[in-house]
């Protein structure tokens, strides 16, 4: 690895670290169910491409709507753990693409469903810093009981309705 020596090199390092913080906040926000944190890393309208998970085409969606849906799903899990590693950045001005390996564990009571794959995310630089504009999850493997996802959704709806 080359040691940064000039202002341009240092700016690139700062950008990479800021982008890595966004991805870390993505995982940490989900696992802590910290919806304010999770919401803060997105632009107001985001393209979510989860076709490899559920087969539906990508959708441009207001992030507040996405947060309200994800909040219900995650309320039903006993615990989750998301890991995003091996990040590869391509930064061109105020736009960036990051390819990153992911693993995500979802526990419902004693059952677990694990996803393996990679994210292909697009970010934009805003006045508030780097924000996710497109999230694409590409599953390469799963393990465990996929019914965990539907069971967590049902329980989450019951829990949220009773709040």
N, C-alpha and C. Protein backbone atom coordinates (compact mmCIF):
# COMPACT_ATOMS: atom_id res chain seq x y z
N UNK A 1 0.85 -1.18 0.00
CA UNK A 1 0.00 0.00 0.00
C UNK A 1 0.89 1.24 0.00
N UNK A 2 0.53 2.21 -0.82
CA UNK A 2 1.27 3.45 -0.90
C UNK A 2 0.83 4.38 0.22
N UNK A 3 1.80 5.00 0.87
CA UNK A 3 1.49 5.96 1.93
C UNK A 3 1.06 7.27 1.28
N UNK A 4 -0.08 7.84 1.72
CA UNK A 4 -0.52 9.11 1.14
C UNK A 4 0.51 10.21 1.41
N UNK A 5 0.80 11.00 0.40
CA UNK A 5 1.80 12.06 0.56
C UNK A 5 1.27 13.44 0.19
N UNK A 6 0.30 13.51 -0.71
CA UNK A 6 -0.18 14.81 -1.16
C UNK A 6 -1.60 15.07 -0.74
N UNK A 7 -2.06 16.31 -0.91
CA UNK A 7 -3.43 16.65 -0.53
C UNK A 7 -4.49 15.79 -1.21
N UNK A 8 -4.29 15.46 -2.48
CA UNK A 8 -5.25 14.61 -3.20
C UNK A 8 -5.31 13.22 -2.61
N UNK A 9 -4.14 12.68 -2.24
CA UNK A 9 -4.10 11.36 -1.62
C UNK A 9 -4.82 11.36 -0.28
N UNK A 10 -4.58 12.40 0.51
CA UNK A 10 -5.23 12.48 1.83
C UNK A 10 -6.74 12.66 1.69
N UNK A 11 -7.18 13.42 0.71
CA UNK A 11 -8.61 13.60 0.48
C UNK A 11 -9.26 12.28 0.13
N UNK A 12 -8.58 11.46 -0.68
CA UNK A 12 -9.12 10.14 -1.05
C UNK A 12 -9.23 9.24 0.18
N UNK A 13 -8.25 9.30 1.06
CA UNK A 13 -8.30 8.50 2.29
C UNK A 13 -9.47 8.96 3.17
N UNK A 14 -9.64 10.27 3.29
CA UNK A 14 -10.75 10.81 4.08
C UNK A 14 -12.08 10.34 3.50
N UNK A 15 -12.22 10.39 2.17
CA UNK A 15 -13.45 9.93 1.53
C UNK A 15 -13.69 8.45 1.81
N UNK A 16 -12.66 7.64 1.67
CA UNK A 16 -12.82 6.20 1.92
C UNK A 16 -13.25 5.93 3.35
N UNK A 17 -12.65 6.61 4.31
CA UNK A 17 -13.03 6.42 5.72
C UNK A 17 -14.47 6.87 5.97
N UNK A 18 -14.87 7.98 5.36
CA UNK A 18 -16.25 8.46 5.53
C UNK A 18 -17.24 7.47 4.92
N UNK A 19 -16.91 6.93 3.77
CA UNK A 19 -17.78 5.93 3.13
C UNK A 19 -17.84 4.66 3.97
N UNK A 20 -16.71 4.24 4.51
CA UNK A 20 -16.70 3.08 5.40
C UNK A 20 -17.58 3.31 6.62
N UNK A 21 -17.59 4.54 7.14
CA UNK A 21 -18.47 4.86 8.28
C UNK A 21 -19.94 4.71 7.89
N UNK A 22 -20.28 5.09 6.67
CA UNK A 22 -21.67 4.93 6.21
C UNK A 22 -22.04 3.45 6.22
N UNK A 23 -21.17 2.59 5.68
CA UNK A 23 -21.48 1.16 5.63
C UNK A 23 -21.52 0.56 7.03
N UNK A 24 -20.64 1.01 7.90
CA UNK A 24 -20.68 0.52 9.29
C UNK A 24 -21.97 0.96 9.98
N UNK A 25 -22.41 2.17 9.70
CA UNK A 25 -23.67 2.65 10.29
C UNK A 25 -24.87 1.90 9.74
N UNK A 26 -24.78 1.45 8.49
CA UNK A 26 -25.84 0.63 7.91
C UNK A 26 -26.01 -0.63 8.76
N UNK A 27 -24.92 -1.34 9.01
CA UNK A 27 -24.98 -2.58 9.78
C UNK A 27 -25.34 -2.31 11.24
N UNK A 28 -24.68 -1.34 11.85
CA UNK A 28 -24.91 -1.05 13.27
C UNK A 28 -26.33 -0.55 13.51
N UNK A 29 -26.85 0.28 12.60
CA UNK A 29 -28.21 0.79 12.75
C UNK A 29 -29.24 -0.32 12.72
N UNK A 30 -29.06 -1.27 11.79
CA UNK A 30 -29.98 -2.41 11.73
C UNK A 30 -29.91 -3.23 13.01
N UNK A 31 -28.70 -3.59 13.42
CA UNK A 31 -28.56 -4.50 14.56
C UNK A 31 -28.99 -3.88 15.88
N UNK A 32 -28.77 -2.57 16.03
CA UNK A 32 -29.19 -1.88 17.26
C UNK A 32 -30.64 -1.39 17.16
N UNK A 33 -31.24 -1.55 15.99
CA UNK A 33 -32.56 -1.00 15.71
C UNK A 33 -32.59 0.49 16.05
N UNK A 34 -31.51 1.15 15.64
CA UNK A 34 -31.36 2.59 15.81
C UNK A 34 -31.78 3.23 14.50
N UNK A 35 -33.07 3.50 14.38
CA UNK A 35 -33.64 3.95 13.11
C UNK A 35 -33.24 5.36 12.76
N UNK A 36 -32.94 6.17 13.75
CA UNK A 36 -32.43 7.52 13.47
C UNK A 36 -31.05 7.42 12.80
N UNK A 37 -30.18 6.58 13.35
CA UNK A 37 -28.86 6.36 12.75
C UNK A 37 -29.01 5.79 11.34
N UNK A 38 -29.82 4.75 11.19
CA UNK A 38 -29.96 4.09 9.90
C UNK A 38 -30.51 5.06 8.87
N UNK A 39 -31.49 5.85 9.24
CA UNK A 39 -32.10 6.83 8.33
C UNK A 39 -31.07 7.86 7.88
N UNK A 40 -30.15 8.22 8.76
CA UNK A 40 -29.23 9.33 8.51
C UNK A 40 -28.21 9.05 7.40
N UNK A 41 -28.06 7.82 6.97
CA UNK A 41 -27.02 7.49 5.99
C UNK A 41 -27.53 7.44 4.56
N UNK A 42 -28.79 7.81 4.35
CA UNK A 42 -29.41 7.73 3.03
C UNK A 42 -29.80 9.11 2.50
N UNK A 43 -29.88 9.21 1.17
CA UNK A 43 -30.52 10.37 0.54
C UNK A 43 -32.04 10.18 0.71
N UNK A 44 -32.84 11.21 0.48
CA UNK A 44 -34.29 11.09 0.71
C UNK A 44 -34.99 10.01 -0.10
N UNK A 45 -34.56 9.77 -1.34
CA UNK A 45 -35.12 8.69 -2.16
C UNK A 45 -33.99 7.76 -2.58
N UNK A 46 -34.17 6.48 -2.31
CA UNK A 46 -33.11 5.50 -2.50
C UNK A 46 -33.61 4.37 -3.40
N UNK A 47 -32.73 3.88 -4.26
CA UNK A 47 -33.02 2.68 -5.04
C UNK A 47 -32.58 1.48 -4.19
N UNK A 48 -33.53 0.62 -3.87
CA UNK A 48 -33.23 -0.63 -3.17
C UNK A 48 -33.41 -1.78 -4.15
N UNK A 49 -32.36 -2.53 -4.36
CA UNK A 49 -32.39 -3.69 -5.24
C UNK A 49 -32.13 -4.93 -4.39
N UNK A 50 -33.19 -5.56 -3.98
CA UNK A 50 -33.11 -6.78 -3.17
C UNK A 50 -33.65 -7.97 -3.98
N UNK A 51 -33.52 -7.87 -5.30
CA UNK A 51 -34.06 -8.89 -6.20
C UNK A 51 -33.51 -10.27 -5.87
N UNK A 52 -32.26 -10.35 -5.46
CA UNK A 52 -31.68 -11.66 -5.16
C UNK A 52 -32.29 -12.27 -3.90
N UNK A 53 -32.94 -11.45 -3.08
CA UNK A 53 -33.57 -11.93 -1.85
C UNK A 53 -35.01 -12.39 -2.12
N UNK A 54 -35.80 -11.52 -2.80
CA UNK A 54 -37.22 -11.82 -2.94
C UNK A 54 -37.74 -11.83 -4.38
N UNK A 55 -36.88 -11.59 -5.34
CA UNK A 55 -37.28 -11.72 -6.74
C UNK A 55 -37.98 -10.51 -7.33
N UNK A 56 -38.31 -9.50 -6.51
CA UNK A 56 -38.98 -8.31 -7.04
C UNK A 56 -37.95 -7.35 -7.62
N UNK A 57 -38.32 -6.60 -8.66
CA UNK A 57 -37.37 -5.68 -9.28
C UNK A 57 -37.00 -4.53 -8.33
N UNK A 58 -35.90 -3.84 -8.63
CA UNK A 58 -35.49 -2.69 -7.80
C UNK A 58 -36.57 -1.63 -7.77
N UNK A 59 -36.58 -0.86 -6.68
CA UNK A 59 -37.60 0.17 -6.52
C UNK A 59 -36.95 1.44 -5.96
N UNK A 60 -37.37 2.59 -6.50
CA UNK A 60 -36.99 3.88 -5.94
C UNK A 60 -38.02 4.20 -4.87
N UNK A 61 -37.54 4.44 -3.66
CA UNK A 61 -38.47 4.57 -2.55
C UNK A 61 -38.02 5.68 -1.60
N UNK A 62 -38.98 6.38 -1.03
CA UNK A 62 -38.66 7.35 0.02
C UNK A 62 -38.09 6.59 1.20
N UNK A 63 -36.98 7.07 1.72
CA UNK A 63 -36.29 6.34 2.78
C UNK A 63 -37.15 6.24 4.04
N UNK A 64 -37.96 7.24 4.31
CA UNK A 64 -38.82 7.16 5.51
C UNK A 64 -39.79 5.98 5.41
N UNK A 65 -40.28 5.70 4.20
CA UNK A 65 -41.16 4.54 4.01
C UNK A 65 -40.38 3.24 4.25
N UNK A 66 -39.17 3.19 3.73
CA UNK A 66 -38.33 2.00 3.92
C UNK A 66 -38.05 1.78 5.40
N UNK A 67 -37.72 2.83 6.12
CA UNK A 67 -37.44 2.72 7.56
C UNK A 67 -38.66 2.16 8.28
N UNK A 68 -39.85 2.63 7.94
CA UNK A 68 -41.05 2.15 8.64
C UNK A 68 -41.28 0.66 8.39
N UNK A 69 -40.95 0.18 7.20
CA UNK A 69 -41.12 -1.25 6.89
C UNK A 69 -40.04 -2.08 7.59
N UNK A 70 -38.79 -1.66 7.47
CA UNK A 70 -37.67 -2.40 8.07
C UNK A 70 -37.82 -2.45 9.59
N UNK A 71 -38.32 -1.37 10.17
CA UNK A 71 -38.53 -1.31 11.62
C UNK A 71 -39.46 -2.43 12.09
N UNK A 72 -40.51 -2.69 11.33
CA UNK A 72 -41.44 -3.76 11.68
C UNK A 72 -40.74 -5.11 11.59
N UNK A 73 -40.05 -5.35 10.50
CA UNK A 73 -39.34 -6.63 10.31
C UNK A 73 -38.38 -6.90 11.47
N UNK A 74 -37.57 -5.90 11.80
CA UNK A 74 -36.51 -6.11 12.80
C UNK A 74 -37.06 -6.19 14.22
N UNK A 75 -38.21 -5.62 14.48
CA UNK A 75 -38.83 -5.74 15.80
C UNK A 75 -39.14 -7.20 16.13
N UNK A 76 -39.32 -8.02 15.10
CA UNK A 76 -39.68 -9.42 15.32
C UNK A 76 -38.51 -10.36 15.55
N UNK A 77 -37.30 -9.91 15.29
CA UNK A 77 -36.14 -10.78 15.51
C UNK A 77 -35.72 -10.78 16.97
N UNK A 78 -35.18 -11.90 17.43
CA UNK A 78 -34.57 -11.94 18.76
C UNK A 78 -33.27 -11.15 18.73
N UNK A 79 -32.52 -11.29 17.63
CA UNK A 79 -31.27 -10.56 17.44
C UNK A 79 -30.87 -10.66 15.97
N UNK A 80 -30.03 -9.75 15.53
CA UNK A 80 -29.42 -9.81 14.20
C UNK A 80 -27.97 -9.39 14.32
N UNK A 81 -27.19 -9.81 13.35
CA UNK A 81 -25.82 -9.32 13.25
C UNK A 81 -25.45 -9.22 11.78
N UNK A 82 -25.10 -8.01 11.37
CA UNK A 82 -24.70 -7.74 9.99
C UNK A 82 -23.23 -7.37 9.96
N UNK A 83 -22.49 -8.00 9.06
CA UNK A 83 -21.07 -7.74 8.91
C UNK A 83 -20.81 -7.35 7.46
N UNK A 84 -20.17 -6.22 7.26
CA UNK A 84 -19.84 -5.73 5.92
C UNK A 84 -18.33 -5.51 5.88
N UNK A 85 -17.64 -6.29 5.05
CA UNK A 85 -16.17 -6.27 5.03
C UNK A 85 -15.63 -6.28 3.60
N UNK A 86 -14.32 -6.26 3.49
CA UNK A 86 -13.63 -6.35 2.18
C UNK A 86 -14.15 -5.32 1.20
N UNK A 87 -14.21 -4.09 1.66
CA UNK A 87 -14.76 -3.00 0.84
C UNK A 87 -13.78 -2.58 -0.25
N UNK A 88 -14.30 -2.42 -1.46
CA UNK A 88 -13.52 -1.92 -2.60
C UNK A 88 -14.21 -0.68 -3.13
N UNK A 89 -13.52 0.44 -3.08
CA UNK A 89 -14.09 1.75 -3.41
C UNK A 89 -13.69 2.20 -4.80
N UNK A 90 -14.63 2.81 -5.48
CA UNK A 90 -14.34 3.58 -6.69
C UNK A 90 -14.98 4.94 -6.48
N UNK A 91 -14.14 5.97 -6.37
CA UNK A 91 -14.63 7.31 -6.09
C UNK A 91 -14.29 8.21 -7.27
N UNK A 92 -15.33 8.84 -7.79
CA UNK A 92 -15.15 9.78 -8.90
C UNK A 92 -15.89 11.06 -8.56
N UNK A 93 -15.15 12.03 -8.07
CA UNK A 93 -15.76 13.30 -7.67
C UNK A 93 -16.72 13.11 -6.51
N UNK A 94 -17.99 13.46 -6.75
CA UNK A 94 -19.02 13.38 -5.70
C UNK A 94 -19.85 12.11 -5.78
N UNK A 95 -19.36 11.13 -6.50
CA UNK A 95 -20.05 9.83 -6.62
C UNK A 95 -19.08 8.72 -6.27
N UNK A 96 -19.62 7.66 -5.68
CA UNK A 96 -18.78 6.53 -5.31
C UNK A 96 -19.56 5.23 -5.47
N UNK A 97 -18.83 4.18 -5.74
CA UNK A 97 -19.37 2.83 -5.75
C UNK A 97 -18.53 2.01 -4.80
N UNK A 98 -19.19 1.17 -4.01
CA UNK A 98 -18.49 0.30 -3.08
C UNK A 98 -19.02 -1.12 -3.25
N UNK A 99 -18.11 -2.04 -3.51
CA UNK A 99 -18.43 -3.47 -3.49
C UNK A 99 -17.92 -4.00 -2.16
N UNK A 100 -18.78 -4.70 -1.42
CA UNK A 100 -18.40 -5.15 -0.08
C UNK A 100 -19.05 -6.51 0.21
N UNK A 101 -18.26 -7.40 0.74
CA UNK A 101 -18.75 -8.71 1.16
C UNK A 101 -19.63 -8.53 2.40
N UNK A 102 -20.71 -9.34 2.48
CA UNK A 102 -21.61 -9.24 3.63
C UNK A 102 -22.00 -10.62 4.15
N UNK A 103 -22.28 -10.65 5.43
CA UNK A 103 -22.94 -11.78 6.07
C UNK A 103 -23.95 -11.19 7.04
N UNK A 104 -25.12 -11.82 7.12
CA UNK A 104 -26.17 -11.32 8.00
C UNK A 104 -26.88 -12.49 8.66
N UNK A 105 -26.85 -12.49 9.99
CA UNK A 105 -27.53 -13.52 10.78
C UNK A 105 -28.80 -12.92 11.34
N UNK A 106 -29.90 -13.69 11.25
CA UNK A 106 -31.21 -13.25 11.75
C UNK A 106 -31.75 -14.37 12.65
N UNK A 107 -31.92 -14.06 13.94
CA UNK A 107 -32.41 -15.07 14.88
C UNK A 107 -33.86 -14.80 15.24
N UNK A 108 -34.65 -15.84 15.18
CA UNK A 108 -36.04 -15.82 15.63
C UNK A 108 -36.16 -16.95 16.62
N UNK A 109 -36.33 -16.61 17.89
CA UNK A 109 -36.28 -17.61 18.95
C UNK A 109 -34.98 -18.41 18.80
N UNK A 110 -35.06 -19.71 18.64
CA UNK A 110 -33.82 -20.52 18.54
C UNK A 110 -33.42 -20.82 17.10
N UNK A 111 -34.21 -20.37 16.15
CA UNK A 111 -33.89 -20.60 14.73
C UNK A 111 -33.11 -19.43 14.16
N UNK A 112 -32.29 -19.72 13.16
CA UNK A 112 -31.48 -18.69 12.54
C UNK A 112 -31.51 -18.83 11.02
N UNK A 113 -31.47 -17.68 10.35
CA UNK A 113 -31.37 -17.64 8.90
C UNK A 113 -30.19 -16.72 8.58
N UNK A 114 -29.25 -17.23 7.80
CA UNK A 114 -28.05 -16.48 7.49
C UNK A 114 -27.95 -16.23 5.99
N UNK A 115 -27.59 -15.00 5.65
CA UNK A 115 -27.40 -14.61 4.26
C UNK A 115 -25.91 -14.32 4.03
N UNK A 116 -25.42 -14.74 2.88
CA UNK A 116 -24.04 -14.47 2.48
C UNK A 116 -24.09 -13.83 1.10
N UNK A 117 -23.21 -12.90 0.83
CA UNK A 117 -23.18 -12.29 -0.49
C UNK A 117 -22.36 -11.03 -0.49
N UNK A 118 -22.79 -10.08 -1.32
CA UNK A 118 -22.07 -8.81 -1.39
C UNK A 118 -23.04 -7.69 -1.73
N UNK A 119 -22.67 -6.50 -1.26
CA UNK A 119 -23.39 -5.29 -1.61
C UNK A 119 -22.66 -4.61 -2.76
N UNK A 120 -23.43 -4.04 -3.66
CA UNK A 120 -22.92 -3.17 -4.71
C UNK A 120 -23.67 -1.86 -4.53
N UNK A 121 -23.08 -0.95 -3.76
CA UNK A 121 -23.76 0.28 -3.35
C UNK A 121 -23.22 1.48 -4.09
N UNK A 122 -24.11 2.46 -4.27
CA UNK A 122 -23.74 3.74 -4.88
C UNK A 122 -24.01 4.83 -3.85
N UNK A 123 -23.06 5.72 -3.71
CA UNK A 123 -23.17 6.82 -2.77
C UNK A 123 -22.97 8.14 -3.49
N UNK A 124 -23.50 9.20 -2.89
CA UNK A 124 -23.29 10.55 -3.39
C UNK A 124 -22.83 11.42 -2.23
N UNK A 125 -21.99 12.39 -2.58
CA UNK A 125 -21.54 13.35 -1.57
C UNK A 125 -22.62 14.44 -1.47
N UNK A 126 -23.09 14.70 -0.27
CA UNK A 126 -24.09 15.74 -0.03
C UNK A 126 -23.47 16.78 0.91
N UNK A 127 -24.21 17.82 1.20
CA UNK A 127 -23.73 18.83 2.16
C UNK A 127 -23.50 18.22 3.53
N UNK A 128 -24.21 17.13 3.83
CA UNK A 128 -24.07 16.45 5.13
C UNK A 128 -23.02 15.34 5.10
N UNK A 129 -22.42 15.09 3.95
CA UNK A 129 -21.42 14.03 3.82
C UNK A 129 -21.90 12.96 2.86
N UNK A 130 -21.19 11.84 2.81
CA UNK A 130 -21.54 10.74 1.90
C UNK A 130 -22.83 10.09 2.35
N UNK A 131 -23.72 9.79 1.38
CA UNK A 131 -25.00 9.14 1.67
C UNK A 131 -25.26 8.07 0.63
N UNK A 132 -25.93 6.99 1.05
CA UNK A 132 -26.33 5.93 0.13
C UNK A 132 -27.46 6.39 -0.76
N UNK A 133 -27.30 6.16 -2.06
CA UNK A 133 -28.34 6.48 -3.04
C UNK A 133 -28.91 5.21 -3.68
N UNK A 134 -28.09 4.15 -3.74
CA UNK A 134 -28.53 2.87 -4.29
C UNK A 134 -27.91 1.75 -3.45
N UNK A 135 -28.74 0.79 -3.08
CA UNK A 135 -28.28 -0.37 -2.33
C UNK A 135 -28.70 -1.61 -3.11
N UNK A 136 -27.73 -2.40 -3.49
CA UNK A 136 -28.01 -3.65 -4.20
C UNK A 136 -27.39 -4.79 -3.41
N UNK A 137 -28.23 -5.70 -2.95
CA UNK A 137 -27.76 -6.90 -2.24
C UNK A 137 -27.77 -8.07 -3.21
N UNK A 138 -26.64 -8.73 -3.31
CA UNK A 138 -26.50 -9.89 -4.18
C UNK A 138 -26.19 -11.11 -3.32
N UNK A 139 -27.20 -11.94 -3.10
CA UNK A 139 -26.98 -13.14 -2.30
C UNK A 139 -26.23 -14.18 -3.12
N UNK A 140 -25.27 -14.81 -2.46
CA UNK A 140 -24.55 -15.91 -3.10
C UNK A 140 -24.85 -17.23 -2.41
N UNK A 141 -25.38 -17.15 -1.18
CA UNK A 141 -25.70 -18.36 -0.43
C UNK A 141 -26.56 -17.98 0.77
N UNK A 142 -27.37 -18.92 1.21
CA UNK A 142 -28.11 -18.76 2.46
C UNK A 142 -27.95 -20.05 3.26
N UNK A 143 -28.23 -19.96 4.54
CA UNK A 143 -28.13 -21.12 5.40
C UNK A 143 -29.19 -20.98 6.50
N UNK A 144 -29.77 -22.07 6.91
CA UNK A 144 -30.74 -22.04 7.99
C UNK A 144 -32.16 -22.04 7.50
N UNK A 145 -33.03 -21.51 8.33
CA UNK A 145 -34.48 -21.58 8.12
C UNK A 145 -35.00 -20.27 7.53
N UNK A 146 -35.34 -20.23 6.24
CA UNK A 146 -35.84 -18.99 5.64
C UNK A 146 -37.18 -18.52 6.22
N UNK A 147 -37.91 -19.40 6.87
CA UNK A 147 -39.19 -19.01 7.48
C UNK A 147 -38.98 -18.00 8.61
N UNK A 148 -37.76 -17.89 9.11
CA UNK A 148 -37.43 -16.91 10.14
C UNK A 148 -37.85 -15.51 9.70
N UNK A 149 -37.67 -15.19 8.43
CA UNK A 149 -37.97 -13.84 7.93
C UNK A 149 -39.48 -13.55 8.02
N UNK A 150 -40.31 -14.49 7.58
CA UNK A 150 -41.77 -14.28 7.65
C UNK A 150 -42.26 -14.30 9.09
N UNK A 151 -41.69 -15.19 9.90
CA UNK A 151 -42.10 -15.25 11.30
C UNK A 151 -41.76 -13.95 12.03
N UNK A 152 -40.59 -13.39 11.74
CA UNK A 152 -40.19 -12.13 12.36
C UNK A 152 -41.11 -11.00 11.90
N UNK A 153 -41.49 -11.01 10.63
CA UNK A 153 -42.40 -9.99 10.11
C UNK A 153 -43.74 -10.04 10.86
N UNK A 154 -44.28 -11.25 11.02
CA UNK A 154 -45.57 -11.39 11.72
C UNK A 154 -45.46 -10.90 13.16
N UNK A 155 -44.39 -11.33 13.85
CA UNK A 155 -44.23 -10.90 15.24
C UNK A 155 -44.00 -9.40 15.32
N UNK A 156 -43.21 -8.87 14.40
CA UNK A 156 -42.95 -7.42 14.39
C UNK A 156 -44.23 -6.62 14.22
N UNK A 157 -45.12 -7.08 13.33
CA UNK A 157 -46.40 -6.38 13.13
C UNK A 157 -47.21 -6.38 14.42
N UNK A 158 -47.22 -7.50 15.13
CA UNK A 158 -47.95 -7.58 16.40
C UNK A 158 -47.33 -6.65 17.43
N UNK A 159 -46.01 -6.66 17.52
CA UNK A 159 -45.33 -5.81 18.53
C UNK A 159 -45.51 -4.32 18.24
N UNK A 160 -45.36 -3.93 16.99
CA UNK A 160 -45.50 -2.53 16.63
C UNK A 160 -46.94 -2.06 16.81
N UNK A 161 -47.90 -2.92 16.49
CA UNK A 161 -49.31 -2.55 16.64
C UNK A 161 -49.68 -2.34 18.11
N UNK A 162 -48.97 -3.03 19.01
CA UNK A 162 -49.28 -2.94 20.45
C UNK A 162 -48.49 -1.85 21.15
N UNK A 163 -47.75 -1.05 20.41
CA UNK A 163 -46.95 0.02 21.04
C UNK A 163 -47.77 1.28 21.16
